[in-house]
């Protein structure tokens, strides 16, 4: 699926992670809609962000944004995840939904705590149904780095989902946002990226790192015989 001439709706887009992705995709030429539970707040945040980078960004209430977007990105806290899924469900049939959610449960955010389905994003796929192509991505990128458009994001993105074409669309979007992304298998494998976030938070604190990330070593095709 190509999202050319289609808009990207970022649900929960007024937060640091959502606004960082919004800014990078808008700057790359995509039409971006910021969603929020408060439509007025979404409009104000969208205008401020758009003015700061010299492009137009739209703002709407979350359900309206999900309906308007050709592709939907979910960037809400874990505590709001299920209620947000219920809100957008009527508006995402036959769409790609990129879920960035990580099961962080304060105060133990440095400890891996995966939910019963195996991962948050697998649970989202189960809830939204087979007609929605859920893709897991961007869990291991520091929100502060995304928000700084001059920052060179020196880490890789794991992309998981049951539809390879949907995964490729998200990989292309990651590249538009100046990131390198990799096919990482079916939605079940999202557990790795979600769990890794707690590990990285621990390492940030233990080693005083400004936004630890991961990098995949090796060159595609290097194992092929000549």
Protein backbone atom coordinates (compact mmCIF):
# COMPACT_ATOMS: atom_id res chain seq x y z
CA UNK A 1 0.00 0.00 0.00
CA UNK A 2 1.26 3.47 -0.87
CA UNK A 3 0.10 6.44 1.20
CA UNK A 4 0.91 8.90 -1.56
CA UNK A 5 -1.84 11.55 -1.66
CA UNK A 6 -3.27 10.12 1.59
CA UNK A 7 -3.04 11.66 5.02
CA UNK A 8 -1.38 10.27 8.15
CA UNK A 9 -3.50 10.61 11.29
CA UNK A 10 -1.50 10.54 14.51
CA UNK A 11 -3.78 9.64 17.40
CA UNK A 12 -2.44 11.16 20.59
CA UNK A 13 -0.30 13.38 18.42
CA UNK A 14 0.07 16.23 20.91
CA UNK A 15 2.55 14.22 23.00
CA UNK A 16 6.32 14.25 22.47
CA UNK A 17 6.46 11.06 20.40
CA UNK A 18 3.44 11.85 18.25
CA UNK A 19 4.44 15.45 17.57
CA UNK A 20 7.97 14.36 16.69
CA UNK A 21 6.71 11.90 14.09
CA UNK A 22 4.20 14.49 12.85
CA UNK A 23 6.90 17.09 12.31
CA UNK A 24 9.23 14.72 10.47
CA UNK A 25 6.53 13.38 8.15
CA UNK A 26 5.07 16.82 7.47
CA UNK A 27 8.52 18.14 6.63
CA UNK A 28 8.98 15.17 4.27
CA UNK A 29 5.86 16.26 2.36
CA UNK A 30 3.14 14.07 3.84
CA UNK A 31 -0.26 15.43 4.84
CA UNK A 32 -0.42 15.04 8.61
CA UNK A 33 -3.36 15.21 11.02
CA UNK A 34 -2.75 15.49 14.75
CA UNK A 35 -5.44 13.88 16.87
CA UNK A 36 -6.26 14.54 20.51
CA UNK A 37 -9.10 13.84 22.93
CA UNK A 38 -9.64 17.62 22.84
CA UNK A 39 -10.21 18.89 19.29
CA UNK A 40 -9.33 22.49 20.19
CA UNK A 41 -6.06 21.37 21.75
CA UNK A 42 -5.30 19.33 18.64
CA UNK A 43 -5.89 22.34 16.38
CA UNK A 44 -3.72 24.61 18.52
CA UNK A 45 -0.88 22.10 18.73
CA UNK A 46 -1.06 21.42 15.00
CA UNK A 47 -0.85 25.14 14.18
CA UNK A 48 2.07 25.72 16.54
CA UNK A 49 3.97 22.72 15.21
CA UNK A 50 3.22 23.57 11.58
CA UNK A 51 4.28 27.20 12.03
CA UNK A 52 7.54 26.08 13.64
CA UNK A 53 8.58 24.08 10.56
CA UNK A 54 6.81 26.11 7.87
CA UNK A 55 4.20 23.56 6.76
CA UNK A 56 0.48 23.08 7.36
CA UNK A 57 -0.53 20.41 9.87
CA UNK A 58 -4.17 19.71 10.66
CA UNK A 59 -5.66 19.10 14.10
CA UNK A 60 -8.83 17.16 14.98
CA UNK A 61 -10.48 15.17 17.74
CA UNK A 62 -9.16 11.59 17.76
CA UNK A 63 -12.16 9.87 16.14
CA UNK A 64 -12.33 12.50 13.38
CA UNK A 65 -8.61 12.18 12.76
CA UNK A 66 -8.86 8.39 12.50
CA UNK A 67 -11.71 8.70 10.01
CA UNK A 68 -9.82 11.26 7.91
CA UNK A 69 -6.47 9.49 7.83
CA UNK A 70 -5.48 7.12 5.07
CA UNK A 71 -3.06 5.61 7.58
CA UNK A 72 -3.44 5.82 11.36
CA UNK A 73 -0.63 5.98 13.92
CA UNK A 74 -1.38 5.30 17.58
CA UNK A 75 0.91 7.16 20.02
CA UNK A 76 -0.99 7.08 23.31
CA UNK A 77 0.10 5.98 26.81
CA UNK A 78 -0.57 2.35 27.65
CA UNK A 79 -3.17 3.42 30.21
CA UNK A 80 -5.27 4.96 27.41
CA UNK A 81 -4.59 2.27 24.80
CA UNK A 82 -7.72 0.13 25.03
CA UNK A 83 -10.15 3.05 25.28
CA UNK A 84 -8.49 4.64 22.25
CA UNK A 85 -8.76 1.42 20.25
CA UNK A 86 -12.47 1.33 21.03
CA UNK A 87 -12.79 4.95 19.89
CA UNK A 88 -11.04 4.52 16.54
CA UNK A 89 -12.27 0.99 15.69
CA UNK A 90 -15.24 2.16 13.57
CA UNK A 91 -12.90 4.28 11.43
CA UNK A 92 -9.97 2.00 10.58
CA UNK A 93 -11.34 -0.89 8.50
CA UNK A 94 -9.03 -1.69 5.55
CA UNK A 95 -6.41 0.73 6.86
CA UNK A 96 -2.92 0.33 8.24
CA UNK A 97 -2.75 1.13 11.95
CA UNK A 98 0.78 1.71 13.21
CA UNK A 99 0.86 1.07 16.96
CA UNK A 100 3.77 2.57 18.89
CA UNK A 101 2.42 1.68 22.35
CA UNK A 102 4.66 0.12 25.00
CA UNK A 103 3.26 -1.52 28.18
CA UNK A 104 5.03 0.79 30.63
CA UNK A 105 3.43 0.44 34.07
CA UNK A 106 4.70 3.04 36.55
CA UNK A 107 6.55 2.96 38.80
CA UNK A 108 8.31 -0.12 37.36
CA UNK A 109 8.95 1.24 33.86
CA UNK A 110 12.43 -0.29 33.84
CA UNK A 111 10.96 -3.78 34.20
CA UNK A 112 9.43 -5.70 31.28
CA UNK A 113 5.69 -6.26 31.86
CA UNK A 114 4.06 -7.68 28.74
CA UNK A 115 0.24 -8.09 28.79
CA UNK A 116 -1.62 -11.39 28.45
CA UNK A 117 -1.91 -11.48 24.60
CA UNK A 118 1.89 -11.56 24.47
CA UNK A 119 2.29 -7.91 23.52
CA UNK A 120 0.28 -4.70 23.40
CA UNK A 121 0.27 -4.53 19.62
CA UNK A 122 -0.73 -8.17 19.18
CA UNK A 123 -3.66 -7.38 21.46
CA UNK A 124 -4.52 -4.42 19.22
CA UNK A 125 -4.53 -6.69 16.16
CA UNK A 126 -6.78 -9.17 17.93
CA UNK A 127 -9.20 -6.41 18.96
CA UNK A 128 -9.34 -4.53 15.64
CA UNK A 129 -9.69 -7.71 13.57
CA UNK A 130 -8.21 -9.14 10.40
CA UNK A 131 -9.52 -6.35 8.17
CA UNK A 132 -7.14 -3.90 9.86
CA UNK A 133 -3.43 -4.24 9.11
CA UNK A 134 -1.77 -3.48 12.44
CA UNK A 135 1.96 -2.78 12.36
CA UNK A 136 4.27 -2.38 15.35
CA UNK A 137 7.09 0.19 15.04
CA UNK A 138 9.04 3.08 16.63
CA UNK A 139 8.96 1.80 20.23
CA UNK A 140 12.72 2.09 20.69
CA UNK A 141 13.29 5.64 19.43
CA UNK A 142 13.64 8.41 22.02
CA UNK A 143 10.81 10.94 21.73
CA UNK A 144 13.18 13.85 22.42
CA UNK A 145 15.33 12.80 19.47
CA UNK A 146 12.31 12.64 17.16
CA UNK A 147 11.21 16.13 18.18
CA UNK A 148 14.61 17.61 17.31
CA UNK A 149 14.55 17.72 13.51
CA UNK A 150 18.29 18.47 13.43
CA UNK A 151 19.07 15.35 15.43
CA UNK A 152 20.52 12.44 13.44
CA UNK A 153 18.60 9.42 14.74
CA UNK A 154 21.36 6.87 15.08
CA UNK A 155 19.26 3.80 15.85
CA UNK A 156 17.20 1.29 13.90
CA UNK A 157 13.47 0.53 13.94
CA UNK A 158 11.98 -2.97 14.18
CA UNK A 159 8.78 -3.29 12.14
CA UNK A 160 6.42 -6.21 12.90
CA UNK A 161 3.09 -7.10 11.32
CA UNK A 162 1.23 -9.91 9.61
CA UNK A 163 1.03 -8.12 6.23
CA UNK A 164 4.45 -7.72 4.56
CA UNK A 165 3.18 -4.92 2.27
CA UNK A 166 1.92 -2.98 5.27
CA UNK A 167 5.28 -3.47 6.97
CA UNK A 168 7.03 -2.14 3.88
CA UNK A 169 4.80 0.95 3.89
CA UNK A 170 5.88 1.66 7.46
CA UNK A 171 9.53 1.03 6.60
CA UNK A 172 9.21 3.61 3.84
CA UNK A 173 7.65 6.05 6.31
CA UNK A 174 10.51 5.48 8.72
CA UNK A 175 12.96 6.34 5.96
CA UNK A 176 10.97 9.51 5.22
CA UNK A 177 11.51 10.42 8.88
CA UNK A 178 15.29 9.84 8.54
CA UNK A 179 15.34 6.45 10.24
CA UNK A 180 16.46 3.00 9.10
CA UNK A 181 13.85 0.26 9.60
CA UNK A 182 13.78 -3.50 9.19
CA UNK A 183 11.18 -6.20 8.57
CA UNK A 184 11.11 -8.04 11.92
CA UNK A 185 8.39 -10.64 11.31
CA UNK A 186 4.79 -11.19 12.34
CA UNK A 187 2.90 -9.17 14.93
CA UNK A 188 3.83 -11.70 17.65
CA UNK A 189 7.42 -10.45 17.41
CA UNK A 190 6.33 -7.03 18.63
CA UNK A 191 6.96 -8.44 22.10
CA UNK A 192 10.68 -8.00 21.48
CA UNK A 193 10.49 -4.28 20.66
CA UNK A 194 8.02 -3.58 23.46
CA UNK A 195 10.13 -5.40 26.05
CA UNK A 196 13.31 -3.78 24.79
CA UNK A 197 11.95 -0.33 25.63
CA UNK A 198 12.06 -1.09 29.37
CA UNK A 199 15.61 -2.44 28.94
CA UNK A 200 16.67 0.77 27.18
CA UNK A 201 15.07 2.92 29.88
CA UNK A 202 17.08 1.00 32.47
CA UNK A 203 20.29 1.46 30.47
CA UNK A 204 19.62 5.18 30.01
CA UNK A 205 19.46 5.56 33.78
CA UNK A 206 22.28 3.19 34.68
CA UNK A 207 24.79 4.50 32.15
CA UNK A 208 23.49 8.10 31.90
CA UNK A 209 22.81 7.72 28.17
CA UNK A 210 20.78 10.32 26.28
CA UNK A 211 18.32 8.03 24.51
CA UNK A 212 19.85 4.57 24.06
CA UNK A 213 18.75 2.71 20.94
CA UNK A 214 19.54 -0.40 18.90
CA UNK A 215 21.38 -1.00 15.65
CA UNK A 216 21.17 -4.09 13.45
CA UNK A 217 24.57 -5.32 12.35
CA UNK A 218 25.07 -6.97 8.98
CA UNK A 219 24.37 -6.14 5.37
CA UNK A 220 21.26 -7.44 3.57
CA UNK A 221 22.27 -10.11 1.07
CA UNK A 222 25.69 -10.66 2.60
CA UNK A 223 24.90 -14.33 3.26
CA UNK A 224 24.01 -15.08 -0.36
CA UNK A 225 26.42 -17.25 -2.31
CA UNK A 226 27.87 -15.81 -5.47
